[in-house]
Amino acid sequence: MSTLSAHHVGITVSDLEKTLAFYRDTLGLSVVDRFEVGGDAFADAVDVDGASARFAHLEAGDIRLELVAYEPAEPARPAPDLNEPGAAHVGLAVDDLEAVYASLPDDVPTISEPRTTESGTSICFLRDPEGNLVELLET
């Protein structure tokens, strides 16, 4: 059997440019690749008739964060709360959580101010422009 290793974490978005700007400009991730994919093989692979997509890959430490906008797009659904089955989030480590939190623009929705958990990790959760959960943590 082949050895598995992490390649990327993907998030499907409706507005690629707006969401990309958030991760690049607000959170400081670097864009490492942008591309488009379409054709029958892609549509078959993602099981969406006539699918094509635009992608942006951002560097997030040891993984890539992949933002993808599909055509045709489905209507957006409300983002689940953290404790709902199927809820997902991207966890990003930072050196100084308080400083990063203080630098967030006022229009970034946060769930709480930074809190230190029983494990000694300081965390806070926020939502990207599409409502996806992002955890910022300092260990």
N, C-alpha and C. Protein backbone atom coordinates (compact mmCIF):
# COMPACT_ATOMS: atom_id res chain seq x y z
N MET A 1 0.83 -1.18 0.00
CA MET A 1 0.00 0.00 0.00
C MET A 1 0.88 1.24 0.00
N SER A 2 0.43 2.27 -0.71
CA SER A 2 1.16 3.53 -0.80
C SER A 2 1.09 4.28 0.52
N THR A 3 2.14 5.00 0.85
CA THR A 3 2.17 5.84 2.05
C THR A 3 1.37 7.10 1.80
N LEU A 4 0.51 7.44 2.74
CA LEU A 4 -0.30 8.65 2.63
C LEU A 4 0.37 9.80 3.36
N SER A 5 0.22 11.00 2.80
CA SER A 5 0.68 12.21 3.47
C SER A 5 -0.28 13.34 3.11
N ALA A 6 -0.38 14.30 3.99
CA ALA A 6 -1.29 15.43 3.75
C ALA A 6 -0.79 16.27 2.58
N HIS A 7 -1.69 16.66 1.70
CA HIS A 7 -1.36 17.52 0.58
C HIS A 7 -2.03 18.88 0.73
N HIS A 8 -3.33 18.88 1.01
CA HIS A 8 -4.05 20.14 1.19
C HIS A 8 -5.34 19.93 1.96
N VAL A 9 -5.87 21.02 2.44
CA VAL A 9 -7.21 21.07 3.02
C VAL A 9 -8.01 21.98 2.10
N GLY A 10 -9.15 21.49 1.62
CA GLY A 10 -9.94 22.25 0.65
C GLY A 10 -11.20 22.82 1.24
N ILE A 11 -11.54 24.02 0.78
CA ILE A 11 -12.79 24.68 1.15
C ILE A 11 -13.46 25.15 -0.13
N THR A 12 -14.70 24.72 -0.34
CA THR A 12 -15.47 25.19 -1.48
C THR A 12 -16.11 26.53 -1.12
N VAL A 13 -15.96 27.50 -2.00
CA VAL A 13 -16.45 28.85 -1.74
C VAL A 13 -17.27 29.33 -2.93
N SER A 14 -18.10 30.34 -2.69
CA SER A 14 -18.87 30.91 -3.79
C SER A 14 -18.16 32.11 -4.41
N ASP A 15 -17.42 32.86 -3.60
CA ASP A 15 -16.72 34.05 -4.08
C ASP A 15 -15.22 33.86 -3.85
N LEU A 16 -14.54 33.33 -4.85
CA LEU A 16 -13.13 33.00 -4.70
C LEU A 16 -12.29 34.23 -4.39
N GLU A 17 -12.52 35.33 -5.08
CA GLU A 17 -11.67 36.52 -4.90
C GLU A 17 -11.83 37.11 -3.49
N LYS A 18 -13.05 37.20 -3.01
CA LYS A 18 -13.29 37.77 -1.67
C LYS A 18 -12.69 36.87 -0.59
N THR A 19 -12.88 35.56 -0.72
CA THR A 19 -12.36 34.64 0.28
C THR A 19 -10.84 34.58 0.21
N LEU A 20 -10.29 34.57 -0.99
CA LEU A 20 -8.83 34.59 -1.16
C LEU A 20 -8.24 35.83 -0.50
N ALA A 21 -8.86 36.98 -0.69
CA ALA A 21 -8.36 38.22 -0.09
C ALA A 21 -8.32 38.11 1.43
N PHE A 22 -9.32 37.46 2.03
CA PHE A 22 -9.35 37.29 3.48
C PHE A 22 -8.15 36.48 3.96
N TYR A 23 -7.94 35.31 3.37
CA TYR A 23 -6.85 34.45 3.82
C TYR A 23 -5.48 35.05 3.49
N ARG A 24 -5.37 35.76 2.38
CA ARG A 24 -4.10 36.37 1.98
C ARG A 24 -3.85 37.66 2.76
N ASP A 25 -4.80 38.59 2.73
CA ASP A 25 -4.57 39.92 3.27
C ASP A 25 -4.82 40.02 4.77
N THR A 26 -5.86 39.36 5.27
CA THR A 26 -6.18 39.45 6.69
C THR A 26 -5.35 38.48 7.52
N LEU A 27 -5.20 37.23 7.04
CA LEU A 27 -4.47 36.23 7.82
C LEU A 27 -3.02 36.06 7.37
N GLY A 28 -2.63 36.65 6.24
CA GLY A 28 -1.23 36.67 5.84
C GLY A 28 -0.71 35.42 5.17
N LEU A 29 -1.60 34.55 4.66
CA LEU A 29 -1.12 33.37 3.94
C LEU A 29 -0.66 33.77 2.54
N SER A 30 0.34 33.08 2.03
CA SER A 30 0.89 33.37 0.71
C SER A 30 0.21 32.51 -0.35
N VAL A 31 -0.14 33.13 -1.47
CA VAL A 31 -0.70 32.40 -2.60
C VAL A 31 0.45 31.70 -3.32
N VAL A 32 0.33 30.38 -3.49
CA VAL A 32 1.39 29.63 -4.15
C VAL A 32 0.97 29.13 -5.53
N ASP A 33 -0.33 29.11 -5.81
CA ASP A 33 -0.78 28.64 -7.12
C ASP A 33 -2.22 29.06 -7.35
N ARG A 34 -2.54 29.33 -8.63
CA ARG A 34 -3.91 29.58 -9.07
C ARG A 34 -4.08 28.88 -10.39
N PHE A 35 -5.22 28.21 -10.57
CA PHE A 35 -5.46 27.49 -11.81
C PHE A 35 -6.94 27.19 -11.98
N GLU A 36 -7.29 26.75 -13.17
CA GLU A 36 -8.65 26.34 -13.49
C GLU A 36 -8.63 24.93 -14.03
N VAL A 37 -9.70 24.16 -13.74
CA VAL A 37 -9.82 22.80 -14.23
C VAL A 37 -11.24 22.59 -14.72
N GLY A 38 -11.37 21.87 -15.82
CA GLY A 38 -12.68 21.54 -16.36
C GLY A 38 -12.58 20.26 -17.16
N GLY A 39 -13.57 19.99 -17.99
CA GLY A 39 -13.56 18.82 -18.85
C GLY A 39 -14.26 17.64 -18.22
N ASP A 40 -14.46 16.63 -19.07
CA ASP A 40 -15.23 15.45 -18.66
C ASP A 40 -14.57 14.69 -17.51
N ALA A 41 -13.26 14.52 -17.55
CA ALA A 41 -12.59 13.76 -16.49
C ALA A 41 -12.78 14.43 -15.13
N PHE A 42 -12.66 15.77 -15.09
CA PHE A 42 -12.87 16.50 -13.84
C PHE A 42 -14.31 16.37 -13.38
N ALA A 43 -15.26 16.59 -14.28
CA ALA A 43 -16.68 16.50 -13.92
C ALA A 43 -17.02 15.11 -13.39
N ASP A 44 -16.47 14.08 -14.03
CA ASP A 44 -16.69 12.71 -13.54
C ASP A 44 -16.05 12.50 -12.17
N ALA A 45 -14.85 13.02 -11.98
CA ALA A 45 -14.13 12.82 -10.72
C ALA A 45 -14.85 13.47 -9.54
N VAL A 46 -15.46 14.64 -9.76
CA VAL A 46 -16.15 15.33 -8.66
C VAL A 46 -17.64 15.04 -8.65
N ASP A 47 -18.11 14.24 -9.62
CA ASP A 47 -19.51 13.82 -9.72
C ASP A 47 -20.47 15.01 -9.79
N VAL A 48 -20.09 16.00 -10.63
CA VAL A 48 -20.94 17.16 -10.89
C VAL A 48 -21.00 17.35 -12.40
N ASP A 49 -22.18 17.15 -12.97
CA ASP A 49 -22.33 17.28 -14.42
C ASP A 49 -21.83 18.63 -14.91
N GLY A 50 -20.94 18.60 -15.91
CA GLY A 50 -20.45 19.83 -16.54
C GLY A 50 -19.59 20.70 -15.64
N ALA A 51 -19.02 20.13 -14.59
CA ALA A 51 -18.27 20.93 -13.62
C ALA A 51 -16.98 21.49 -14.19
N SER A 52 -16.68 22.69 -13.76
CA SER A 52 -15.37 23.30 -13.90
C SER A 52 -15.13 24.05 -12.60
N ALA A 53 -13.89 24.42 -12.35
CA ALA A 53 -13.60 25.10 -11.09
C ALA A 53 -12.37 25.97 -11.22
N ARG A 54 -12.36 27.02 -10.40
CA ARG A 54 -11.19 27.88 -10.25
C ARG A 54 -10.62 27.61 -8.87
N PHE A 55 -9.30 27.51 -8.79
CA PHE A 55 -8.62 27.15 -7.56
C PHE A 55 -7.60 28.21 -7.16
N ALA A 56 -7.39 28.33 -5.86
CA ALA A 56 -6.27 29.10 -5.31
C ALA A 56 -5.67 28.26 -4.19
N HIS A 57 -4.37 28.06 -4.22
CA HIS A 57 -3.66 27.36 -3.16
C HIS A 57 -2.86 28.38 -2.37
N LEU A 58 -2.98 28.28 -1.05
CA LEU A 58 -2.24 29.17 -0.16
C LEU A 58 -1.36 28.34 0.76
N GLU A 59 -0.19 28.88 1.08
CA GLU A 59 0.72 28.20 1.99
C GLU A 59 0.28 28.45 3.42
N ALA A 60 0.09 27.34 4.15
CA ALA A 60 -0.30 27.42 5.56
C ALA A 60 0.62 26.48 6.35
N GLY A 61 1.87 26.82 6.45
CA GLY A 61 2.83 25.97 7.16
C GLY A 61 3.08 24.69 6.39
N ASP A 62 2.78 23.55 7.02
CA ASP A 62 3.06 22.26 6.42
C ASP A 62 1.98 21.78 5.45
N ILE A 63 0.91 22.53 5.30
CA ILE A 63 -0.15 22.14 4.36
C ILE A 63 -0.48 23.30 3.43
N ARG A 64 -1.21 22.97 2.41
CA ARG A 64 -1.79 23.99 1.54
C ARG A 64 -3.27 24.11 1.87
N LEU A 65 -3.74 25.32 1.85
CA LEU A 65 -5.17 25.58 1.96
C LEU A 65 -5.67 25.81 0.54
N GLU A 66 -6.61 24.99 0.11
CA GLU A 66 -7.15 25.09 -1.24
C GLU A 66 -8.53 25.72 -1.20
N LEU A 67 -8.69 26.84 -1.87
CA LEU A 67 -9.99 27.46 -2.06
C LEU A 67 -10.45 27.12 -3.46
N VAL A 68 -11.69 26.67 -3.60
CA VAL A 68 -12.18 26.26 -4.92
C VAL A 68 -13.60 26.78 -5.12
N ALA A 69 -13.83 27.36 -6.29
CA ALA A 69 -15.15 27.86 -6.67
C ALA A 69 -15.61 27.07 -7.90
N TYR A 70 -16.72 26.36 -7.76
CA TYR A 70 -17.24 25.49 -8.82
C TYR A 70 -18.26 26.20 -9.68
N GLU A 71 -18.30 25.78 -10.93
CA GLU A 71 -19.40 26.08 -11.84
C GLU A 71 -19.88 24.74 -12.35
N PRO A 72 -21.13 24.40 -12.31
CA PRO A 72 -22.19 25.18 -11.67
C PRO A 72 -22.06 25.14 -10.16
N ALA A 73 -22.50 26.21 -9.52
CA ALA A 73 -22.43 26.31 -8.06
C ALA A 73 -23.78 25.97 -7.46
N GLU A 74 -23.74 25.34 -6.31
CA GLU A 74 -24.95 25.07 -5.54
C GLU A 74 -25.22 26.27 -4.63
N PRO A 75 -26.47 26.46 -4.22
CA PRO A 75 -26.76 27.53 -3.26
C PRO A 75 -26.01 27.30 -1.94
N ALA A 76 -25.58 28.38 -1.33
CA ALA A 76 -24.87 28.29 -0.05
C ALA A 76 -25.80 27.76 1.03
N ARG A 77 -25.23 27.02 1.96
CA ARG A 77 -25.95 26.52 3.14
C ARG A 77 -25.42 27.24 4.36
N PRO A 78 -26.23 27.33 5.41
CA PRO A 78 -25.70 27.93 6.63
C PRO A 78 -24.53 27.10 7.16
N ALA A 79 -23.50 27.78 7.64
CA ALA A 79 -22.35 27.09 8.21
C ALA A 79 -22.75 26.44 9.53
N PRO A 80 -22.33 25.18 9.75
CA PRO A 80 -22.71 24.51 10.99
C PRO A 80 -21.96 25.07 12.19
N ASP A 81 -22.56 24.91 13.36
CA ASP A 81 -21.86 25.24 14.60
C ASP A 81 -20.79 24.19 14.84
N LEU A 82 -19.80 24.53 15.66
CA LEU A 82 -18.66 23.64 15.89
C LEU A 82 -19.05 22.26 16.40
N ASN A 83 -20.12 22.16 17.19
CA ASN A 83 -20.46 20.88 17.79
C ASN A 83 -21.43 20.05 16.94
N GLU A 84 -21.72 20.47 15.71
CA GLU A 84 -22.60 19.71 14.83
C GLU A 84 -21.78 18.71 14.02
N PRO A 85 -22.28 17.46 13.92
CA PRO A 85 -21.58 16.49 13.07
C PRO A 85 -21.42 17.04 11.66
N GLY A 86 -20.26 16.84 11.10
CA GLY A 86 -19.96 17.34 9.77
C GLY A 86 -19.32 18.71 9.76
N ALA A 87 -19.33 19.39 10.90
CA ALA A 87 -18.68 20.70 10.97
C ALA A 87 -17.18 20.52 10.76
N ALA A 88 -16.58 21.44 10.06
CA ALA A 88 -15.14 21.39 9.80
C ALA A 88 -14.56 22.77 10.09
N HIS A 89 -13.28 22.80 10.35
CA HIS A 89 -12.60 24.08 10.52
C HIS A 89 -11.15 23.93 10.09
N VAL A 90 -10.53 25.06 9.79
CA VAL A 90 -9.11 25.12 9.49
C VAL A 90 -8.42 25.66 10.73
N GLY A 91 -7.42 24.96 11.23
CA GLY A 91 -6.67 25.42 12.39
C GLY A 91 -5.34 26.00 11.95
N LEU A 92 -5.08 27.24 12.34
CA LEU A 92 -3.84 27.94 11.96
C LEU A 92 -3.10 28.36 13.21
N ALA A 93 -1.86 27.90 13.35
CA ALA A 93 -1.03 28.26 14.49
C ALA A 93 -0.45 29.66 14.30
N VAL A 94 -0.43 30.42 15.37
CA VAL A 94 0.15 31.76 15.36
C VAL A 94 1.11 31.89 16.53
N ASP A 95 2.07 32.81 16.41
CA ASP A 95 3.04 33.02 17.49
C ASP A 95 2.46 33.83 18.64
N ASP A 96 1.60 34.79 18.35
CA ASP A 96 1.05 35.69 19.36
C ASP A 96 -0.43 35.89 19.07
N LEU A 97 -1.26 35.06 19.69
CA LEU A 97 -2.70 35.08 19.42
C LEU A 97 -3.33 36.42 19.78
N GLU A 98 -2.95 36.99 20.89
CA GLU A 98 -3.54 38.28 21.31
C GLU A 98 -3.25 39.36 20.26
N ALA A 99 -2.04 39.39 19.73
CA ALA A 99 -1.68 40.40 18.73
C ALA A 99 -2.45 40.17 17.43
N VAL A 100 -2.55 38.91 17.01
CA VAL A 100 -3.29 38.61 15.78
C VAL A 100 -4.75 38.97 15.96
N TYR A 101 -5.32 38.60 17.09
CA TYR A 101 -6.72 38.92 17.37
C TYR A 101 -6.95 40.43 17.35
N ALA A 102 -6.06 41.18 17.98
CA ALA A 102 -6.20 42.64 18.03
C ALA A 102 -6.08 43.27 16.65
N SER A 103 -5.37 42.61 15.73
CA SER A 103 -5.17 43.18 14.40
C SER A 103 -6.30 42.84 13.42
N LEU A 104 -7.23 41.98 13.83
CA LEU A 104 -8.31 41.61 12.92
C LEU A 104 -9.21 42.81 12.64
N PRO A 105 -9.61 42.99 11.40
CA PRO A 105 -10.56 44.07 11.08
C PRO A 105 -11.86 43.87 11.84
N ASP A 106 -12.55 44.97 12.12
CA ASP A 106 -13.79 44.92 12.89
C ASP A 106 -14.88 44.08 12.22
N ASP A 107 -14.82 43.92 10.90
CA ASP A 107 -15.88 43.19 10.21
C ASP A 107 -15.65 41.67 10.16
N VAL A 108 -14.57 41.18 10.80
CA VAL A 108 -14.34 39.73 10.86
C VAL A 108 -15.13 39.17 12.03
N PRO A 109 -16.10 38.29 11.75
CA PRO A 109 -16.90 37.73 12.85
C PRO A 109 -16.09 36.73 13.68
N THR A 110 -16.05 36.96 14.98
CA THR A 110 -15.35 36.05 15.89
C THR A 110 -16.37 35.41 16.83
N ILE A 111 -16.06 34.20 17.27
CA ILE A 111 -16.94 33.50 18.20
C ILE A 111 -16.66 33.95 19.63
N SER A 112 -15.39 34.18 19.95
CA SER A 112 -15.03 34.69 21.28
C SER A 112 -13.67 35.33 21.19
N GLU A 113 -13.33 36.04 22.24
CA GLU A 113 -11.97 36.55 22.37
C GLU A 113 -11.06 35.36 22.66
N PRO A 114 -9.75 35.51 22.54
CA PRO A 114 -8.84 34.40 22.85
C PRO A 114 -9.06 33.89 24.27
N ARG A 115 -9.03 32.57 24.39
CA ARG A 115 -9.19 31.89 25.68
C ARG A 115 -8.11 30.82 25.79
N THR A 116 -7.60 30.62 27.01
CA THR A 116 -6.62 29.56 27.24
C THR A 116 -7.36 28.36 27.82
N THR A 117 -7.25 27.22 27.15
CA THR A 117 -7.97 26.02 27.56
C THR A 117 -7.20 25.27 28.65
N GLU A 118 -7.81 24.21 29.19
CA GLU A 118 -7.17 23.39 30.22
C GLU A 118 -5.86 22.77 29.74
N SER A 119 -5.74 22.58 28.42
CA SER A 119 -4.51 21.98 27.87
C SER A 119 -3.36 22.98 27.80
N GLY A 120 -3.66 24.27 28.04
CA GLY A 120 -2.63 25.31 27.96
C GLY A 120 -2.56 25.98 26.61
N THR A 121 -3.41 25.57 25.68
CA THR A 121 -3.45 26.17 24.35
C THR A 121 -4.41 27.35 24.35
N SER A 122 -3.97 28.46 23.80
CA SER A 122 -4.85 29.61 23.64
C SER A 122 -5.49 29.53 22.26
N ILE A 123 -6.82 29.72 22.21
CA ILE A 123 -7.56 29.57 20.96
C ILE A 123 -8.58 30.69 20.80
N CYS A 124 -8.94 30.94 19.57
CA CYS A 124 -10.15 31.70 19.26
C CYS A 124 -10.62 31.24 17.89
N PHE A 125 -11.91 31.31 17.70
CA PHE A 125 -12.51 30.93 16.43
C PHE A 125 -13.10 32.15 15.77
N LEU A 126 -12.98 32.19 14.46
CA LEU A 126 -13.59 33.25 13.67
C LEU A 126 -14.18 32.62 12.42
N ARG A 127 -14.86 33.42 11.62
CA ARG A 127 -15.45 32.93 10.38
C ARG A 127 -14.88 33.73 9.22
N ASP A 128 -14.59 33.02 8.12
CA ASP A 128 -14.15 33.69 6.91
C ASP A 128 -15.35 34.33 6.22
N PRO A 129 -15.18 35.04 5.12
CA PRO A 129 -16.32 35.72 4.47
C PRO A 129 -17.44 34.79 4.02
N GLU A 130 -17.16 33.49 3.90
CA GLU A 130 -18.18 32.53 3.49
C GLU A 130 -18.83 31.85 4.69
N GLY A 131 -18.39 32.20 5.90
CA GLY A 131 -18.94 31.59 7.10
C GLY A 131 -18.20 30.36 7.58
N ASN A 132 -17.11 29.97 6.89
CA ASN A 132 -16.32 28.81 7.31
C ASN A 132 -15.55 29.13 8.58
N LEU A 133 -15.45 28.12 9.44
CA LEU A 133 -14.77 28.29 10.72
C LEU A 133 -13.26 28.22 10.57
N VAL A 134 -12.58 29.15 11.25
CA VAL A 134 -11.12 29.19 11.29
C VAL A 134 -10.73 29.28 12.76
N GLU A 135 -9.89 28.36 13.20
CA GLU A 135 -9.37 28.39 14.55
C GLU A 135 -7.96 28.97 14.52
N LEU A 136 -7.71 29.97 15.31
CA LEU A 136 -6.36 30.49 15.52
C LEU A 136 -5.90 29.96 16.87
N LEU A 137 -4.69 29.41 16.92
CA LEU A 137 -4.23 28.85 18.19
C LEU A 137 -2.76 29.13 18.42
N GLU A 138 -2.46 29.28 19.69
CA GLU A 138 -1.09 29.50 20.15
C GLU A 138 -0.82 28.47 21.23
N THR A 139 0.22 27.65 21.03
CA THR A 139 0.52 26.60 22.02
C THR A 139 1.66 27.02 22.90
